[in-house]
C-alpha atoms as a PDB file:
ATOM      1  CA  UNK A   1       0.040  -0.129   0.066  1.00  0.00           C
ATOM      2  CA  UNK A   2       1.475   3.613  -0.680  1.00  0.00           C
ATOM      3  CA  UNK A   3       1.892   6.105   1.573  1.00  0.00           C
ATOM      4  CA  UNK A   4      -1.196   8.183   0.086  1.00  0.00           C
ATOM      5  CA  UNK A   5      -3.442   4.868   0.113  1.00  0.00           C
ATOM      6  CA  UNK A   6      -2.768   4.597   3.860  1.00  0.00           C
ATOM      7  CA  UNK A   7      -4.005   7.843   4.950  1.00  0.00           C
ATOM      8  CA  UNK A   8      -7.454   6.944   5.255  1.00  0.00           C
ATOM      9  CA  UNK A   9      -6.349   4.044   7.814  1.00  0.00           C
ATOM     10  CA  UNK A  10      -3.859   6.106   9.687  1.00  0.00           C
ATOM     11  CA  UNK A  11      -6.834   8.940  10.615  1.00  0.00           C
ATOM     12  CA  UNK A  12      -9.068   5.969  11.520  1.00  0.00           C
ATOM     13  CA  UNK A  13      -6.357   4.275  13.841  1.00  0.00           C
ATOM     14  CA  UNK A  14      -5.125   7.597  15.582  1.00  0.00           C
ATOM     15  CA  UNK A  15      -8.319   9.754  15.900  1.00  0.00           C
ATOM     16  CA  UNK A  16      -8.092  10.382  19.468  1.00  0.00           C
ATOM     17  CA  UNK A  17      -4.509  11.313  18.942  1.00  0.00           C
ATOM     18  CA  UNK A  18      -5.199  13.517  16.261  1.00  0.00           C
ATOM     19  CA  UNK A  19      -7.623  15.161  17.646  1.00  0.00           C
ATOM     20  CA  UNK A  20      -5.988  15.901  21.035  1.00  0.00           C
ATOM     21  CA  UNK A  21      -2.835  17.460  19.264  1.00  0.00           C
ATOM     22  CA  UNK A  22      -4.700  19.354  16.542  1.00  0.00           C
ATOM     23  CA  UNK A  23      -4.544  23.066  17.457  1.00  0.00           C
ATOM     24  CA  UNK A  24      -7.375  24.715  18.489  1.00  0.00           C
ATOM     25  CA  UNK A  25      -6.279  27.875  19.125  1.00  0.00           C
ATOM     26  CA  UNK A  26      -7.906  29.657  15.995  1.00  0.00           C
ATOM     27  CA  UNK A  27      -4.935  30.765  13.984  1.00  0.00           C
ATOM     28  CA  UNK A  28      -6.612  29.877  10.916  1.00  0.00           C
ATOM     29  CA  UNK A  29      -9.510  32.884  11.825  1.00  0.00           C
ATOM     30  CA  UNK A  30      -8.170  35.349   9.761  1.00  0.00           C
ATOM     31  CA  UNK A  31      -8.599  33.244   6.673  1.00  0.00           C
ATOM     32  CA  UNK A  32     -11.994  32.122   8.000  1.00  0.00           C
ATOM     33  CA  UNK A  33     -12.981  35.688   8.029  1.00  0.00           C
ATOM     34  CA  UNK A  34     -12.397  35.864   4.321  1.00  0.00           C
ATOM     35  CA  UNK A  35     -13.676  32.540   3.126  1.00  0.00           C
ATOM     36  CA  UNK A  36     -17.078  33.851   4.358  1.00  0.00           C
ATOM     37  CA  UNK A  37     -17.253  37.567   3.878  1.00  0.00           C
ATOM     38  CA  UNK A  38     -19.766  37.348   1.060  1.00  0.00           C
ATOM     39  CA  UNK A  39     -21.962  35.279   3.216  1.00  0.00           C
ATOM     40  CA  UNK A  40     -25.372  35.289   4.544  1.00  0.00           C
ATOM     41  CA  UNK A  41     -26.195  34.161   7.956  1.00  0.00           C
ATOM     42  CA  UNK A  42     -27.563  30.583   7.759  1.00  0.00           C
ATOM     43  CA  UNK A  43     -25.644  29.807   4.582  1.00  0.00           C
ATOM     44  CA  UNK A  44     -24.386  26.434   3.734  1.00  0.00           C
ATOM     45  CA  UNK A  45     -20.781  25.434   4.161  1.00  0.00           C
ATOM     46  CA  UNK A  46     -18.565  22.285   3.113  1.00  0.00           C
ATOM     47  CA  UNK A  47     -15.904  20.997   5.253  1.00  0.00           C
ATOM     48  CA  UNK A  48     -13.918  18.413   3.061  1.00  0.00           C
ATOM     49  CA  UNK A  49     -11.808  16.765   5.374  1.00  0.00           C
ATOM     50  CA  UNK A  50     -13.253  18.429   8.497  1.00  0.00           C
ATOM     51  CA  UNK A  51     -11.541  15.787  11.209  1.00  0.00           C
ATOM     52  CA  UNK A  52     -13.049  16.065  14.604  1.00  0.00           C
ATOM     53  CA  UNK A  53     -15.053  19.242  13.452  1.00  0.00           C
ATOM     54  CA  UNK A  54     -12.805  21.471  15.916  1.00  0.00           C
ATOM     55  CA  UNK A  55     -11.669  24.315  15.103  1.00  0.00           C
ATOM     56  CA  UNK A  56     -12.597  25.293  11.305  1.00  0.00           C
ATOM     57  CA  UNK A  57     -16.026  23.286  11.411  1.00  0.00           C
ATOM     58  CA  UNK A  58     -16.563  24.748  15.346  1.00  0.00           C
ATOM     59  CA  UNK A  59     -15.772  28.272  14.059  1.00  0.00           C
ATOM     60  CA  UNK A  60     -18.078  28.361  11.290  1.00  0.00           C
ATOM     61  CA  UNK A  61     -21.051  26.847  13.304  1.00  0.00           C
ATOM     62  CA  UNK A  62     -20.388  29.235  15.970  1.00  0.00           C
ATOM     63  CA  UNK A  63     -20.859  32.368  12.900  1.00  0.00           C
ATOM     64  CA  UNK A  64     -24.190  30.761  12.350  1.00  0.00           C
ATOM     65  CA  UNK A  65     -23.463  29.219   9.384  1.00  0.00           C
ATOM     66  CA  UNK A  66     -24.853  25.401   8.266  1.00  0.00           C
ATOM     67  CA  UNK A  67     -22.130  23.068   8.298  1.00  0.00           C
ATOM     68  CA  UNK A  68     -21.510  19.606   6.103  1.00  0.00           C
ATOM     69  CA  UNK A  69     -18.619  17.917   6.781  1.00  0.00           C
ATOM     70  CA  UNK A  70     -17.030  14.947   5.455  1.00  0.00           C
ATOM     71  CA  UNK A  71     -14.477  12.785   6.288  1.00  0.00           C
ATOM     72  CA  UNK A  72     -12.636   9.413   5.397  1.00  0.00           C
ATOM     73  CA  UNK A  73     -12.362   8.652   9.454  1.00  0.00           C
ATOM     74  CA  UNK A  74     -15.444   7.421  11.085  1.00  0.00           C
ATOM     75  CA  UNK A  75     -14.281   7.932  14.309  1.00  0.00           C
ATOM     76  CA  UNK A  76     -13.498  11.884  13.490  1.00  0.00           C
ATOM     77  CA  UNK A  77     -17.146  11.609  12.121  1.00  0.00           C
ATOM     78  CA  UNK A  78     -18.359  10.047  15.599  1.00  0.00           C
ATOM     79  CA  UNK A  79     -17.095  13.179  17.208  1.00  0.00           C
ATOM     80  CA  UNK A  80     -18.091  15.382  15.239  1.00  0.00           C
ATOM     81  CA  UNK A  81     -21.607  13.616  15.465  1.00  0.00           C
ATOM     82  CA  UNK A  82     -21.385  13.965  19.299  1.00  0.00           C
ATOM     83  CA  UNK A  83     -19.919  17.751  19.302  1.00  0.00           C
ATOM     84  CA  UNK A  84     -22.347  19.364  16.860  1.00  0.00           C
ATOM     85  CA  UNK A  85     -25.525  17.170  16.186  1.00  0.00           C
ATOM     86  CA  UNK A  86     -27.343  19.730  14.606  1.00  0.00           C
ATOM     87  CA  UNK A  87     -25.062  19.617  11.455  1.00  0.00           C
ATOM     88  CA  UNK A  88     -24.476  17.010   8.702  1.00  0.00           C
ATOM     89  CA  UNK A  89     -21.570  14.991   9.411  1.00  0.00           C
ATOM     90  CA  UNK A  90     -20.569  12.292   6.740  1.00  0.00           C
ATOM     91  CA  UNK A  91     -18.000   9.324   6.185  1.00  0.00           C
ATOM     92  CA  UNK A  92     -16.802   9.290   2.754  1.00  0.00           C
ATOM     93  CA  UNK A  93     -13.892  10.355   0.506  1.00  0.00           C
ATOM     94  CA  UNK A  94     -13.462  13.934  -1.017  1.00  0.00           C
ATOM     95  CA  UNK A  95     -12.158  12.344  -4.404  1.00  0.00           C
ATOM     96  CA  UNK A  96     -15.992  10.450  -4.363  1.00  0.00           C
ATOM     97  CA  UNK A  97     -17.548  13.773  -3.519  1.00  0.00           C
ATOM     98  CA  UNK A  98     -21.039  13.895  -5.184  1.00  0.00           C
ATOM     99  CA  UNK A  99     -23.802  15.251  -3.062  1.00  0.00           C
ATOM    100  CA  UNK A 100     -26.129  16.976  -5.481  1.00  0.00           C
ATOM    101  CA  UNK A 101     -26.138  20.234  -4.288  1.00  0.00           C
ATOM    102  CA  UNK A 102     -24.220  23.336  -4.308  1.00  0.00           C
ATOM    103  CA  UNK A 103     -22.615  25.485  -1.379  1.00  0.00           C
ATOM    104  CA  UNK A 104     -22.075  28.928  -0.711  1.00  0.00           C
ATOM    105  CA  UNK A 105     -18.644  27.920   0.827  1.00  0.00           C
ATOM    106  CA  UNK A 106     -16.465  24.834   0.636  1.00  0.00           C
ATOM    107  CA  UNK A 107     -13.178  24.590   2.466  1.00  0.00           C
ATOM    108  CA  UNK A 108     -10.598  21.803   2.406  1.00  0.00           C
ATOM    109  CA  UNK A 109      -8.089  23.042   5.285  1.00  0.00           C
ATOM    110  CA  UNK A 110      -5.062  20.580   5.771  1.00  0.00           C
ATOM    111  CA  UNK A 111      -6.833  17.288   4.049  1.00  0.00           C
ATOM    112  CA  UNK A 112      -6.856  18.229   0.207  1.00  0.00           C
ATOM    113  CA  UNK A 113      -2.624  18.148   0.273  1.00  0.00           C
ATOM    114  CA  UNK A 114      -3.233  14.454   1.269  1.00  0.00           C
ATOM    115  CA  UNK A 115      -4.253  13.596  -2.071  1.00  0.00           C
ATOM    116  CA  UNK A 116      -2.021  12.167  -4.826  1.00  0.00           C
ATOM    117  CA  UNK A 117      -1.255  15.046  -7.664  1.00  0.00           C
ATOM    118  CA  UNK A 118      -3.563  13.460  -9.936  1.00  0.00           C
ATOM    119  CA  UNK A 119      -6.402  13.156  -7.659  1.00  0.00           C
ATOM    120  CA  UNK A 120      -5.788  16.808  -6.461  1.00  0.00           C
ATOM    121  CA  UNK A 121      -6.618  17.626 -10.507  1.00  0.00           C
ATOM    122  CA  UNK A 122      -9.517  15.467 -10.620  1.00  0.00           C
ATOM    123  CA  UNK A 123     -11.229  17.287  -7.556  1.00  0.00           C
ATOM    124  CA  UNK A 124     -11.144  20.728  -9.344  1.00  0.00           C
ATOM    125  CA  UNK A 125     -14.330  19.852 -11.566  1.00  0.00           C
ATOM    126  CA  UNK A 126     -15.927  18.696  -8.347  1.00  0.00           C
ATOM    127  CA  UNK A 127     -15.116  21.584  -6.337  1.00  0.00           C
ATOM    128  CA  UNK A 128     -16.854  23.361  -9.534  1.00  0.00           C
ATOM    129  CA  UNK A 129     -20.141  21.157  -9.258  1.00  0.00           C
ATOM    130  CA  UNK A 130     -20.280  21.815  -5.365  1.00  0.00           C
ATOM    131  CA  UNK A 131     -19.749  25.329  -5.252  1.00  0.00           C
ATOM    132  CA  UNK A 132     -22.721  28.048  -5.793  1.00  0.00           C
ATOM    133  CA  UNK A 133     -22.321  30.830  -8.233  1.00  0.00           C
ATOM    134  CA  UNK A 134     -20.329  33.472  -6.151  1.00  0.00           C
ATOM    135  CA  UNK A 135     -19.512  30.904  -3.535  1.00  0.00           C
ATOM    136  CA  UNK A 136     -15.984  30.820  -2.071  1.00  0.00           C
ATOM    137  CA  UNK A 137     -13.357  27.915  -1.953  1.00  0.00           C
ATOM    138  CA  UNK A 138     -10.504  27.928   0.197  1.00  0.00           C
ATOM    139  CA  UNK A 139      -7.826  24.953   0.136  1.00  0.00           C
ATOM    140  CA  UNK A 140      -4.316  24.559   1.667  1.00  0.00           C
ATOM    141  CA  UNK A 141      -1.614  23.242  -0.310  1.00  0.00           C
ATOM    142  CA  UNK A 142       2.341  22.968  -0.346  1.00  0.00           C
ATOM    143  CA  UNK A 143       4.460  25.896  -1.831  1.00  0.00           C
ATOM    144  CA  UNK A 144       6.115  24.282  -4.746  1.00  0.00           C
ATOM    145  CA  UNK A 145       5.433  21.194  -6.696  1.00  0.00           C
ATOM    146  CA  UNK A 146       6.614  18.032  -5.096  1.00  0.00           C
ATOM    147  CA  UNK A 147       5.847  15.125  -2.408  1.00  0.00           C
ATOM    148  CA  UNK A 148       6.771  15.325   1.174  1.00  0.00           C
ATOM    149  CA  UNK A 149       6.419  12.285   3.741  1.00  0.00           C
ATOM    150  CA  UNK A 150       5.910  13.507   7.391  1.00  0.00           C
ATOM    151  CA  UNK A 151       4.866  11.532  10.299  1.00  0.00           C
ATOM    152  CA  UNK A 152       2.209  11.024  12.781  1.00  0.00           C
ATOM    153  CA  UNK A 153       2.059   8.521  15.552  1.00  0.00           C
ATOM    154  CA  UNK A 154       5.073   6.573  14.172  1.00  0.00           C
ATOM    155  CA  UNK A 155       3.610   6.108  10.925  1.00  0.00           C
ATOM    156  CA  UNK A 156       4.499   7.947   7.538  1.00  0.00           C
ATOM    157  CA  UNK A 157       2.139  11.081   6.459  1.00  0.00           C
ATOM    158  CA  UNK A 158       1.700  11.747   2.615  1.00  0.00           C
ATOM    159  CA  UNK A 159       1.571  15.057   1.607  1.00  0.00           C
ATOM    160  CA  UNK A 160       1.632  16.581  -2.005  1.00  0.00           C
ATOM    161  CA  UNK A 161       1.400  19.596  -3.988  1.00  0.00           C
ATOM    162  CA  UNK A 162       1.156  20.652  -7.424  1.00  0.00           C
ATOM    163  CA  UNK A 163       3.092  23.809  -8.909  1.00  0.00           C
ATOM    164  CA  UNK A 164       1.179  26.624  -7.992  1.00  0.00           C
ATOM    165  CA  UNK A 165       0.625  27.801 -11.833  1.00  0.00           C
ATOM    166  CA  UNK A 166      -1.013  24.755 -12.331  1.00  0.00           C
ATOM    167  CA  UNK A 167      -3.344  25.378  -9.383  1.00  0.00           C
ATOM    168  CA  UNK A 168      -4.155  28.945 -11.218  1.00  0.00           C
ATOM    169  CA  UNK A 169      -4.917  27.149 -14.694  1.00  0.00           C
ATOM    170  CA  UNK A 170      -7.078  24.357 -12.888  1.00  0.00           C
ATOM    171  CA  UNK A 171      -9.206  26.850 -10.732  1.00  0.00           C
ATOM    172  CA  UNK A 172      -9.463  29.141 -13.867  1.00  0.00           C
ATOM    173  CA  UNK A 173     -10.470  26.086 -16.026  1.00  0.00           C
ATOM    174  CA  UNK A 174     -13.013  25.369 -13.520  1.00  0.00           C
ATOM    175  CA  UNK A 175     -14.461  28.754 -13.337  1.00  0.00           C
ATOM    176  CA  UNK A 176     -12.831  30.048 -10.018  1.00  0.00           C
ATOM    177  CA  UNK A 177     -10.726  33.011  -9.784  1.00  0.00           C
ATOM    178  CA  UNK A 178      -8.042  33.547  -7.245  1.00  0.00           C
ATOM    179  CA  UNK A 179      -8.742  36.191  -4.635  1.00  0.00           C
ATOM    180  CA  UNK A 180      -5.904  35.686  -2.286  1.00  0.00           C
ATOM    181  CA  UNK A 181      -2.768  33.100  -2.481  1.00  0.00           C
ATOM    182  CA  UNK A 182      -0.074  33.365   0.469  1.00  0.00           C
ATOM    183  CA  UNK A 183       3.033  31.175   0.538  1.00  0.00           C
ATOM    184  CA  UNK A 184       3.676  29.912   4.028  1.00  0.00           C
ATOM    185  CA  UNK A 185       1.655  32.387   5.508  1.00  0.00           C
ATOM    186  CA  UNK A 186       3.724  33.116   8.737  1.00  0.00           C
ATOM    187  CA  UNK A 187       0.664  34.343  10.572  1.00  0.00           C
ATOM    188  CA  UNK A 188      -1.014  31.165   9.986  1.00  0.00           C
ATOM    189  CA  UNK A 189       1.303  28.448  10.960  1.00  0.00           C
ATOM    190  CA  UNK A 190       3.245  28.425   7.526  1.00  0.00           C
ATOM    191  CA  UNK A 191      -0.006  27.169   5.831  1.00  0.00           C
ATOM    192  CA  UNK A 192       0.277  27.664   1.869  1.00  0.00           C
ATOM    193  CA  UNK A 193      -3.476  29.238   1.452  1.00  0.00           C
ATOM    194  CA  UNK A 194      -5.569  29.744  -1.862  1.00  0.00           C
ATOM    195  CA  UNK A 195      -8.349  31.438  -1.456  1.00  0.00           C
ATOM    196  CA  UNK A 196     -10.799  31.481  -4.380  1.00  0.00           C
ATOM    197  CA  UNK A 197     -14.778  32.156  -5.655  1.00  0.00           C
ATOM    198  CA  UNK A 198     -16.732  30.772  -8.509  1.00  0.00           C
ATOM    199  CA  UNK A 199     -17.557  33.177 -10.914  1.00  0.00           C
END
């Protein structure tokens, strides 16, 4: 099994450890401010790779948005359901995303970059089919094209990124305009963030 294929099992086996160590101090909040700036109260937001629901989904829920969360880890989705039972939590793989509806905002924070380059390329039509007109899409990537293998709980943790220009092309081809792109944002834990809008 490749390191990329091992991702779902890793997050299922180590769900409690992930929830425990996942930073919840809200350093992502300035980016979430930008993501939801065009939204009206009660708007629907799709959180891809939602983990345990904290801190991203929790922040969005606190703002009054209706969250649909998707994650490959059943134990992590179970935590979401316990914490935020009024929202829609689903066990599933974003690569198979087909919900038959659109959302005013989509976020894939520190999740999309676990996909292989080809799987990432294939996600952009799925983003487009789930984004409402004028809806926002935010995701994190690596700073440059390549594969990086980290470690979590003693197991290899796969990450991959396309070249920034390829992301721009894929976004444009699928009807998204880049609003903001910051490489290794020092105010956000070094995350490389893309904020886009469906035209």
